[in-house]
Amino acid sequence: MEIKIAGANDIPALVQLINSAYRGDSSKKGWTTEADLLDGARTDKINLADLIADAKGVIVKCVDETEQIIGCVNLQKHGEKLYLGMLTVSPKLQGAGIGKRLLGEAITYAKKNDCSSIYMTVISVRHELIAWYERHGYKKTGEMKPFPIGEKFGIQKQPLELMVMEKKV
């Protein structure tokens, strides 16, 4: 496994990986699926192109020995904090330490960019995922945010809200 910064040429593979890990039947092969909560795509080419082009952040990818992307995470600097989003691992490879490695890379990136903490939003009913982040040092801040409305973010199957979690670095 190797960690690299994703570029525009990685967008098609990233779209496929992220959508397969979060939504639809393929996501049910892993434990991080949102398929029971949301329909529709998790991301698209336009969204990822915007994230890659944003000078305030990067998408970090994890590739296997054949250069296939098997994991990724979006890191965006917001002032003195680093936003961590879209942490993704191929459903077939979840539980192999790839997510933990990407979290470690986020800490390295945060320190290099003078960030005091890393924060994220997690769908509040994803208890198993929240517990996983807690095992990696993230804490619930008590702040809740409404889940974004519109097909761009997915079609809600039930009312959802986002919980903010944070870790000091």
N, C-alpha and C. Protein backbone atom coordinates (compact mmCIF):
# COMPACT_ATOMS: atom_id res chain seq x y z
N MET A 1 0.85 -1.19 0.00
CA MET A 1 0.00 0.00 0.00
C MET A 1 0.88 1.24 0.00
N GLU A 2 0.45 2.20 -0.77
CA GLU A 2 1.16 3.47 -0.83
C GLU A 2 0.17 4.61 -0.76
N ILE A 3 0.55 5.69 -0.09
CA ILE A 3 -0.29 6.87 0.05
C ILE A 3 0.22 7.94 -0.90
N LYS A 4 -0.70 8.54 -1.67
CA LYS A 4 -0.35 9.58 -2.63
C LYS A 4 -1.45 10.64 -2.65
N ILE A 5 -1.14 11.79 -3.24
CA ILE A 5 -2.14 12.83 -3.45
C ILE A 5 -2.86 12.52 -4.77
N ALA A 6 -4.19 12.55 -4.75
CA ALA A 6 -4.97 12.28 -5.95
C ALA A 6 -4.96 13.49 -6.87
N GLY A 7 -5.04 13.22 -8.16
CA GLY A 7 -5.11 14.27 -9.16
C GLY A 7 -6.35 14.11 -10.03
N ALA A 8 -6.50 15.00 -10.97
CA ALA A 8 -7.69 15.00 -11.83
C ALA A 8 -7.85 13.68 -12.60
N ASN A 9 -6.74 13.05 -12.97
CA ASN A 9 -6.83 11.79 -13.70
C ASN A 9 -7.39 10.65 -12.84
N ASP A 10 -7.43 10.84 -11.51
CA ASP A 10 -7.97 9.82 -10.60
C ASP A 10 -9.48 9.93 -10.40
N ILE A 11 -10.09 10.98 -10.90
CA ILE A 11 -11.51 11.23 -10.61
C ILE A 11 -12.42 10.07 -10.97
N PRO A 12 -12.35 9.47 -12.17
CA PRO A 12 -13.27 8.36 -12.45
C PRO A 12 -13.15 7.20 -11.46
N ALA A 13 -11.92 6.83 -11.10
CA ALA A 13 -11.72 5.74 -10.15
C ALA A 13 -12.21 6.12 -8.76
N LEU A 14 -12.00 7.38 -8.37
CA LEU A 14 -12.47 7.84 -7.06
C LEU A 14 -14.00 7.84 -6.98
N VAL A 15 -14.67 8.31 -8.03
CA VAL A 15 -16.14 8.30 -8.06
C VAL A 15 -16.65 6.88 -7.88
N GLN A 16 -16.07 5.95 -8.62
CA GLN A 16 -16.50 4.55 -8.54
C GLN A 16 -16.27 4.00 -7.13
N LEU A 17 -15.09 4.22 -6.59
CA LEU A 17 -14.76 3.70 -5.25
C LEU A 17 -15.68 4.28 -4.19
N ILE A 18 -15.81 5.60 -4.15
CA ILE A 18 -16.61 6.26 -3.11
C ILE A 18 -18.07 5.83 -3.18
N ASN A 19 -18.64 5.84 -4.37
CA ASN A 19 -20.04 5.43 -4.49
C ASN A 19 -20.24 3.96 -4.15
N SER A 20 -19.28 3.10 -4.50
CA SER A 20 -19.41 1.67 -4.19
C SER A 20 -19.29 1.40 -2.69
N ALA A 21 -18.59 2.27 -1.97
CA ALA A 21 -18.40 2.06 -0.54
C ALA A 21 -19.54 2.62 0.31
N TYR A 22 -20.23 3.63 -0.20
CA TYR A 22 -21.27 4.29 0.59
C TYR A 22 -22.70 3.91 0.20
N ARG A 23 -22.94 3.68 -1.06
CA ARG A 23 -24.33 3.51 -1.53
C ARG A 23 -24.48 2.26 -2.40
N GLY A 24 -25.71 1.78 -2.47
CA GLY A 24 -26.04 0.66 -3.34
C GLY A 24 -25.64 -0.68 -2.75
N ASP A 25 -25.94 -1.75 -3.50
CA ASP A 25 -25.69 -3.10 -3.02
C ASP A 25 -24.22 -3.39 -2.76
N SER A 26 -23.33 -2.83 -3.58
CA SER A 26 -21.90 -3.11 -3.38
C SER A 26 -21.42 -2.62 -2.02
N SER A 27 -22.01 -1.54 -1.52
CA SER A 27 -21.59 -0.99 -0.23
C SER A 27 -21.93 -1.93 0.93
N LYS A 28 -22.91 -2.80 0.73
CA LYS A 28 -23.34 -3.70 1.80
C LYS A 28 -22.33 -4.81 2.07
N LYS A 29 -21.30 -4.91 1.22
CA LYS A 29 -20.22 -5.88 1.45
C LYS A 29 -19.28 -5.40 2.55
N GLY A 30 -19.33 -4.12 2.87
CA GLY A 30 -18.52 -3.54 3.93
C GLY A 30 -19.41 -3.10 5.08
N TRP A 31 -18.79 -2.56 6.12
CA TRP A 31 -19.57 -2.16 7.29
C TRP A 31 -19.85 -0.66 7.33
N THR A 32 -19.37 0.11 6.36
CA THR A 32 -19.56 1.56 6.39
C THR A 32 -20.67 2.06 5.47
N THR A 33 -21.50 1.19 5.00
CA THR A 33 -22.55 1.54 4.06
C THR A 33 -23.55 2.57 4.62
N GLU A 34 -24.03 3.40 3.72
CA GLU A 34 -25.14 4.32 4.03
C GLU A 34 -26.40 3.91 3.24
N ALA A 35 -26.34 2.75 2.60
CA ALA A 35 -27.41 2.33 1.69
C ALA A 35 -28.78 2.23 2.36
N ASP A 36 -28.82 1.93 3.65
CA ASP A 36 -30.11 1.85 4.34
C ASP A 36 -30.64 3.21 4.75
N LEU A 37 -29.77 4.24 4.64
CA LEU A 37 -30.16 5.60 5.05
C LEU A 37 -30.41 6.53 3.88
N LEU A 38 -29.68 6.30 2.77
CA LEU A 38 -29.72 7.23 1.64
C LEU A 38 -29.70 6.49 0.31
N ASP A 39 -30.41 7.02 -0.64
CA ASP A 39 -30.34 6.57 -2.03
C ASP A 39 -29.56 7.60 -2.83
N GLY A 40 -29.21 7.24 -4.05
CA GLY A 40 -28.50 8.16 -4.92
C GLY A 40 -27.00 8.04 -4.74
N ALA A 41 -26.27 8.80 -5.52
CA ALA A 41 -24.82 8.77 -5.48
C ALA A 41 -24.28 9.53 -4.28
N ARG A 42 -23.13 9.13 -3.78
CA ARG A 42 -22.45 9.84 -2.68
C ARG A 42 -21.67 11.03 -3.21
N THR A 43 -21.13 10.89 -4.43
CA THR A 43 -20.38 11.97 -5.05
C THR A 43 -20.44 11.82 -6.56
N ASP A 44 -19.87 12.80 -7.26
CA ASP A 44 -19.81 12.74 -8.72
C ASP A 44 -18.52 13.41 -9.20
N LYS A 45 -18.29 13.38 -10.50
CA LYS A 45 -17.06 13.92 -11.09
C LYS A 45 -16.90 15.41 -10.81
N ILE A 46 -17.99 16.16 -10.86
CA ILE A 46 -17.92 17.61 -10.65
C ILE A 46 -17.50 17.92 -9.22
N ASN A 47 -18.13 17.24 -8.25
CA ASN A 47 -17.79 17.45 -6.84
C ASN A 47 -16.32 17.14 -6.59
N LEU A 48 -15.84 16.02 -7.10
CA LEU A 48 -14.45 15.65 -6.86
C LEU A 48 -13.48 16.57 -7.58
N ALA A 49 -13.84 17.01 -8.77
CA ALA A 49 -12.98 17.96 -9.49
C ALA A 49 -12.86 19.26 -8.69
N ASP A 50 -13.95 19.71 -8.10
CA ASP A 50 -13.91 20.92 -7.27
C ASP A 50 -13.02 20.72 -6.05
N LEU A 51 -13.12 19.56 -5.40
CA LEU A 51 -12.30 19.29 -4.22
C LEU A 51 -10.82 19.21 -4.57
N ILE A 52 -10.50 18.56 -5.68
CA ILE A 52 -9.10 18.44 -6.10
C ILE A 52 -8.52 19.79 -6.50
N ALA A 53 -9.34 20.64 -7.08
CA ALA A 53 -8.87 21.95 -7.53
C ALA A 53 -8.76 22.96 -6.38
N ASP A 54 -9.38 22.67 -5.24
CA ASP A 54 -9.39 23.60 -4.12
C ASP A 54 -7.99 23.68 -3.49
N ALA A 55 -7.42 24.85 -3.48
CA ALA A 55 -6.07 25.05 -2.95
C ALA A 55 -5.99 24.85 -1.44
N LYS A 56 -7.13 24.81 -0.75
CA LYS A 56 -7.14 24.64 0.71
C LYS A 56 -7.09 23.18 1.13
N GLY A 57 -7.02 22.26 0.17
CA GLY A 57 -7.05 20.87 0.58
C GLY A 57 -6.58 19.90 -0.50
N VAL A 58 -6.71 18.64 -0.16
CA VAL A 58 -6.31 17.55 -1.05
C VAL A 58 -7.25 16.37 -0.87
N ILE A 59 -7.22 15.49 -1.84
CA ILE A 59 -7.76 14.15 -1.65
C ILE A 59 -6.55 13.23 -1.63
N VAL A 60 -6.41 12.51 -0.53
CA VAL A 60 -5.32 11.57 -0.38
C VAL A 60 -5.85 10.19 -0.78
N LYS A 61 -5.08 9.48 -1.57
CA LYS A 61 -5.50 8.15 -2.01
C LYS A 61 -4.52 7.10 -1.51
N CYS A 62 -5.04 5.92 -1.29
CA CYS A 62 -4.24 4.76 -0.94
C CYS A 62 -4.34 3.80 -2.12
N VAL A 63 -3.20 3.39 -2.65
CA VAL A 63 -3.19 2.50 -3.81
C VAL A 63 -2.52 1.18 -3.45
N ASP A 64 -2.93 0.13 -4.15
CA ASP A 64 -2.31 -1.17 -3.95
C ASP A 64 -1.11 -1.32 -4.89
N GLU A 65 -0.53 -2.49 -4.93
CA GLU A 65 0.67 -2.72 -5.74
C GLU A 65 0.43 -2.58 -7.24
N THR A 66 -0.82 -2.62 -7.68
CA THR A 66 -1.14 -2.43 -9.10
C THR A 66 -1.58 -1.00 -9.40
N GLU A 67 -1.44 -0.11 -8.40
CA GLU A 67 -1.84 1.30 -8.51
C GLU A 67 -3.36 1.51 -8.51
N GLN A 68 -4.12 0.46 -8.18
CA GLN A 68 -5.57 0.62 -8.04
C GLN A 68 -5.86 1.36 -6.75
N ILE A 69 -6.77 2.34 -6.81
CA ILE A 69 -7.14 3.10 -5.62
C ILE A 69 -8.04 2.23 -4.75
N ILE A 70 -7.61 2.00 -3.50
CA ILE A 70 -8.36 1.14 -2.58
C ILE A 70 -8.91 1.92 -1.38
N GLY A 71 -8.53 3.19 -1.29
CA GLY A 71 -9.02 4.03 -0.21
C GLY A 71 -8.70 5.49 -0.49
N CYS A 72 -9.43 6.39 0.18
CA CYS A 72 -9.17 7.82 0.00
C CYS A 72 -9.79 8.60 1.14
N VAL A 73 -9.34 9.86 1.25
CA VAL A 73 -9.93 10.76 2.24
C VAL A 73 -9.76 12.19 1.72
N ASN A 74 -10.76 13.01 1.95
CA ASN A 74 -10.73 14.43 1.59
C ASN A 74 -10.29 15.22 2.81
N LEU A 75 -9.25 16.05 2.65
CA LEU A 75 -8.74 16.88 3.73
C LEU A 75 -8.77 18.33 3.29
N GLN A 76 -9.48 19.17 4.04
CA GLN A 76 -9.63 20.58 3.69
C GLN A 76 -9.29 21.45 4.89
N LYS A 77 -8.35 22.38 4.71
CA LYS A 77 -7.97 23.27 5.80
C LYS A 77 -8.99 24.40 5.93
N HIS A 78 -9.50 24.57 7.15
CA HIS A 78 -10.43 25.65 7.48
C HIS A 78 -9.85 26.38 8.68
N GLY A 79 -9.13 27.45 8.42
CA GLY A 79 -8.48 28.18 9.50
C GLY A 79 -7.41 27.32 10.15
N GLU A 80 -7.52 27.16 11.48
CA GLU A 80 -6.56 26.34 12.21
C GLU A 80 -7.02 24.90 12.38
N LYS A 81 -8.11 24.54 11.71
CA LYS A 81 -8.63 23.18 11.80
C LYS A 81 -8.59 22.51 10.43
N LEU A 82 -8.52 21.19 10.45
CA LEU A 82 -8.55 20.40 9.22
C LEU A 82 -9.86 19.62 9.18
N TYR A 83 -10.62 19.78 8.09
CA TYR A 83 -11.84 19.01 7.92
C TYR A 83 -11.49 17.69 7.24
N LEU A 84 -11.96 16.60 7.80
CA LEU A 84 -11.77 15.27 7.23
C LEU A 84 -13.11 14.79 6.72
N GLY A 85 -13.19 14.45 5.45
CA GLY A 85 -14.44 13.99 4.88
C GLY A 85 -14.25 12.86 3.90
N MET A 86 -15.31 12.16 3.65
CA MET A 86 -15.36 11.13 2.62
C MET A 86 -14.28 10.06 2.80
N LEU A 87 -13.98 9.71 4.06
CA LEU A 87 -13.04 8.62 4.30
C LEU A 87 -13.64 7.36 3.70
N THR A 88 -12.92 6.76 2.78
CA THR A 88 -13.46 5.65 2.00
C THR A 88 -12.44 4.52 1.90
N VAL A 89 -12.92 3.29 2.09
CA VAL A 89 -12.12 2.10 1.85
C VAL A 89 -12.98 1.14 1.03
N SER A 90 -12.37 0.51 0.05
CA SER A 90 -13.10 -0.47 -0.75
C SER A 90 -13.84 -1.44 0.17
N PRO A 91 -15.13 -1.70 -0.09
CA PRO A 91 -15.90 -2.59 0.78
C PRO A 91 -15.25 -3.96 0.97
N LYS A 92 -14.56 -4.46 -0.04
CA LYS A 92 -13.92 -5.78 0.04
C LYS A 92 -12.70 -5.77 0.96
N LEU A 93 -12.15 -4.58 1.23
CA LEU A 93 -10.91 -4.48 2.00
C LEU A 93 -11.08 -3.82 3.36
N GLN A 94 -12.32 -3.53 3.74
CA GLN A 94 -12.55 -2.89 5.04
C GLN A 94 -12.14 -3.84 6.16
N GLY A 95 -11.51 -3.29 7.17
CA GLY A 95 -11.02 -4.10 8.28
C GLY A 95 -9.55 -4.48 8.12
N ALA A 96 -8.91 -4.03 7.05
CA ALA A 96 -7.51 -4.38 6.77
C ALA A 96 -6.53 -3.29 7.19
N GLY A 97 -7.00 -2.24 7.87
CA GLY A 97 -6.11 -1.19 8.34
C GLY A 97 -5.94 -0.01 7.41
N ILE A 98 -6.63 0.00 6.28
CA ILE A 98 -6.50 1.09 5.31
C ILE A 98 -7.09 2.39 5.88
N GLY A 99 -8.26 2.31 6.49
CA GLY A 99 -8.88 3.49 7.09
C GLY A 99 -8.00 4.07 8.18
N LYS A 100 -7.44 3.22 9.02
CA LYS A 100 -6.55 3.67 10.09
C LYS A 100 -5.32 4.36 9.49
N ARG A 101 -4.79 3.82 8.41
CA ARG A 101 -3.63 4.43 7.76
C ARG A 101 -3.98 5.81 7.20
N LEU A 102 -5.16 5.94 6.61
CA LEU A 102 -5.60 7.23 6.09
C LEU A 102 -5.82 8.23 7.22
N LEU A 103 -6.33 7.79 8.36
CA LEU A 103 -6.47 8.68 9.51
C LEU A 103 -5.10 9.16 9.97
N GLY A 104 -4.11 8.29 9.95
CA GLY A 104 -2.75 8.67 10.30
C GLY A 104 -2.19 9.70 9.34
N GLU A 105 -2.49 9.54 8.07
CA GLU A 105 -2.04 10.50 7.06
C GLU A 105 -2.71 11.86 7.29
N ALA A 106 -3.95 11.85 7.74
CA ALA A 106 -4.65 13.11 8.04
C ALA A 106 -3.93 13.85 9.18
N ILE A 107 -3.48 13.12 10.18
CA ILE A 107 -2.75 13.74 11.29
C ILE A 107 -1.45 14.36 10.78
N THR A 108 -0.73 13.62 9.95
CA THR A 108 0.52 14.14 9.37
C THR A 108 0.25 15.40 8.56
N TYR A 109 -0.79 15.39 7.75
CA TYR A 109 -1.15 16.54 6.93
C TYR A 109 -1.54 17.73 7.81
N ALA A 110 -2.30 17.46 8.86
CA ALA A 110 -2.73 18.53 9.77
C ALA A 110 -1.52 19.20 10.42
N LYS A 111 -0.57 18.41 10.88
CA LYS A 111 0.62 18.96 11.53
C LYS A 111 1.46 19.77 10.54
N LYS A 112 1.61 19.26 9.31
CA LYS A 112 2.38 19.99 8.29
C LYS A 112 1.74 21.32 7.93
N ASN A 113 0.43 21.41 8.12
CA ASN A 113 -0.31 22.61 7.75
C ASN A 113 -0.73 23.43 8.97
N ASP A 114 -0.06 23.22 10.09
CA ASP A 114 -0.27 24.00 11.31
C ASP A 114 -1.72 23.99 11.79
N CYS A 115 -2.37 22.85 11.71
CA CYS A 115 -3.73 22.72 12.22
C CYS A 115 -3.69 22.18 13.64
N SER A 116 -4.54 22.72 14.50
CA SER A 116 -4.57 22.30 15.90
C SER A 116 -5.47 21.10 16.13
N SER A 117 -6.39 20.86 15.20
CA SER A 117 -7.31 19.73 15.35
C SER A 117 -7.86 19.31 14.00
N ILE A 118 -8.46 18.13 14.00
CA ILE A 118 -9.15 17.58 12.83
C ILE A 118 -10.60 17.39 13.23
N TYR A 119 -11.51 17.84 12.38
CA TYR A 119 -12.93 17.65 12.68
C TYR A 119 -13.63 17.03 11.49
N MET A 120 -14.79 16.48 11.76
CA MET A 120 -15.59 15.82 10.72
C MET A 120 -17.05 15.87 11.11
N THR A 121 -17.91 15.54 10.17
CA THR A 121 -19.32 15.33 10.47
C THR A 121 -19.66 13.89 10.11
N VAL A 122 -20.45 13.26 10.98
CA VAL A 122 -20.85 11.87 10.80
C VAL A 122 -22.36 11.81 10.99
N ILE A 123 -23.04 11.05 10.15
CA ILE A 123 -24.48 10.87 10.32
C ILE A 123 -24.72 10.29 11.72
N SER A 124 -25.53 10.96 12.50
CA SER A 124 -25.67 10.66 13.93
C SER A 124 -26.18 9.25 14.25
N VAL A 125 -26.87 8.61 13.33
CA VAL A 125 -27.39 7.26 13.60
C VAL A 125 -26.39 6.17 13.20
N ARG A 126 -25.22 6.55 12.76
CA ARG A 126 -24.19 5.56 12.38
C ARG A 126 -23.32 5.24 13.59
N HIS A 127 -23.93 4.58 14.57
CA HIS A 127 -23.30 4.34 15.87
C HIS A 127 -22.01 3.54 15.77
N GLU A 128 -21.97 2.54 14.93
CA GLU A 128 -20.76 1.72 14.78
C GLU A 128 -19.60 2.55 14.22
N LEU A 129 -19.90 3.42 13.27
CA LEU A 129 -18.86 4.29 12.70
C LEU A 129 -18.39 5.32 13.74
N ILE A 130 -19.32 5.90 14.47
CA ILE A 130 -18.96 6.86 15.52
C ILE A 130 -18.05 6.18 16.55
N ALA A 131 -18.38 4.96 16.94
CA ALA A 131 -17.55 4.22 17.90
C ALA A 131 -16.15 3.97 17.33
N TRP A 132 -16.05 3.69 16.03
CA TRP A 132 -14.75 3.47 15.38
C TRP A 132 -13.91 4.74 15.46
N TYR A 133 -14.52 5.88 15.15
CA TYR A 133 -13.79 7.15 15.26
C TYR A 133 -13.39 7.43 16.70
N GLU A 134 -14.26 7.12 17.65
CA GLU A 134 -13.91 7.33 19.06
C GLU A 134 -12.71 6.48 19.46
N ARG A 135 -12.63 5.26 18.95
CA ARG A 135 -11.47 4.40 19.24
C ARG A 135 -10.18 4.98 18.67
N HIS A 136 -10.32 5.88 17.69
CA HIS A 136 -9.16 6.52 17.08
C HIS A 136 -8.95 7.94 17.61
N GLY A 137 -9.57 8.25 18.74
CA GLY A 137 -9.30 9.51 19.43
C GLY A 137 -10.21 10.67 19.13
N TYR A 138 -11.20 10.48 18.27
CA TYR A 138 -12.14 11.56 17.96
C TYR A 138 -13.21 11.61 19.05
N LYS A 139 -13.64 12.81 19.38
CA LYS A 139 -14.63 12.99 20.43
C LYS A 139 -15.85 13.73 19.87
N LYS A 140 -17.01 13.39 20.40
CA LYS A 140 -18.24 14.11 20.06
C LYS A 140 -18.12 15.51 20.65
N THR A 141 -18.40 16.52 19.84
CA THR A 141 -18.32 17.90 20.32
C THR A 141 -19.63 18.37 20.93
N GLY A 142 -20.71 17.67 20.66
CA GLY A 142 -22.03 18.10 21.10
C GLY A 142 -22.74 18.93 20.04
N GLU A 143 -22.01 19.34 19.02
CA GLU A 143 -22.60 20.14 17.94
C GLU A 143 -23.28 19.23 16.93
N MET A 144 -24.48 19.59 16.55
CA MET A 144 -25.23 18.85 15.53
C MET A 144 -25.55 19.82 14.39
N LYS A 145 -25.57 19.28 13.17
CA LYS A 145 -25.88 20.08 11.99
C LYS A 145 -26.97 19.36 11.20
N PRO A 146 -27.81 20.12 10.52
CA PRO A 146 -28.81 19.46 9.68
C PRO A 146 -28.14 18.76 8.51
N PHE A 147 -28.71 17.65 8.11
CA PHE A 147 -28.20 16.96 6.92
C PHE A 147 -28.58 17.78 5.71
N PRO A 148 -27.66 18.00 4.78
CA PRO A 148 -27.98 18.82 3.60
C PRO A 148 -29.14 18.23 2.79
N ILE A 149 -29.98 19.10 2.32
CA ILE A 149 -31.14 18.69 1.53
C ILE A 149 -30.77 18.76 0.05
N GLY A 150 -31.30 17.84 -0.72
CA GLY A 150 -31.09 17.84 -2.16
C GLY A 150 -30.40 16.58 -2.64
N GLU A 151 -30.67 16.21 -3.87
CA GLU A 151 -30.13 14.98 -4.43
C GLU A 151 -28.61 14.96 -4.49
N LYS A 152 -27.99 16.12 -4.51
CA LYS A 152 -26.53 16.18 -4.55
C LYS A 152 -25.92 15.40 -3.39
N PHE A 153 -26.60 15.34 -2.25
CA PHE A 153 -26.08 14.69 -1.06
C PHE A 153 -26.71 13.33 -0.81
N GLY A 154 -27.68 12.96 -1.64
CA GLY A 154 -28.39 11.71 -1.47
C GLY A 154 -29.83 11.94 -1.06
N ILE A 155 -30.64 10.97 -1.34
CA ILE A 155 -32.06 11.04 -1.04
C ILE A 155 -32.30 10.33 0.29
N GLN A 156 -32.70 11.09 1.30
CA GLN A 156 -32.87 10.54 2.64
C GLN A 156 -34.04 9.57 2.69
N LYS A 157 -33.82 8.43 3.33
CA LYS A 157 -34.88 7.45 3.56
C LYS A 157 -35.53 7.67 4.92
N GLN A 158 -34.90 8.52 5.75
CA GLN A 158 -35.42 8.90 7.06
C GLN A 158 -34.78 10.24 7.39
N PRO A 159 -35.34 10.97 8.35
CA PRO A 159 -34.71 12.23 8.74
C PRO A 159 -33.31 11.97 9.31
N LEU A 160 -32.34 12.76 8.87
CA LEU A 160 -30.95 12.58 9.30
C LEU A 160 -30.37 13.90 9.79
N GLU A 161 -29.39 13.79 10.68
CA GLU A 161 -28.61 14.95 11.09
C GLU A 161 -27.15 14.52 11.23
N LEU A 162 -26.27 15.51 11.24
CA LEU A 162 -24.84 15.26 11.30
C LEU A 162 -24.29 15.63 12.67
N MET A 163 -23.45 14.77 13.20
CA MET A 163 -22.77 15.00 14.46
C MET A 163 -21.34 15.45 14.15
N VAL A 164 -20.87 16.48 14.84
CA VAL A 164 -19.49 16.95 14.67
C VAL A 164 -18.61 16.22 15.67
N MET A 165 -17.49 15.68 15.16
CA MET A 165 -16.49 15.02 15.99
C MET A 165 -15.16 15.71 15.75
N GLU A 166 -14.28 15.70 16.75
CA GLU A 166 -13.02 16.41 16.62
C GLU A 166 -11.92 15.70 17.41
N LYS A 167 -10.69 15.88 16.93
CA LYS A 167 -9.51 15.31 17.58
C LYS A 167 -8.42 16.36 17.57
N LYS A 168 -7.80 16.59 18.71
CA LYS A 168 -6.65 17.50 18.78
C LYS A 168 -5.43 16.79 18.18
N VAL A 169 -4.57 17.56 17.50
CA VAL A 169 -3.35 16.94 16.94
C VAL A 169 -2.11 17.54 17.57
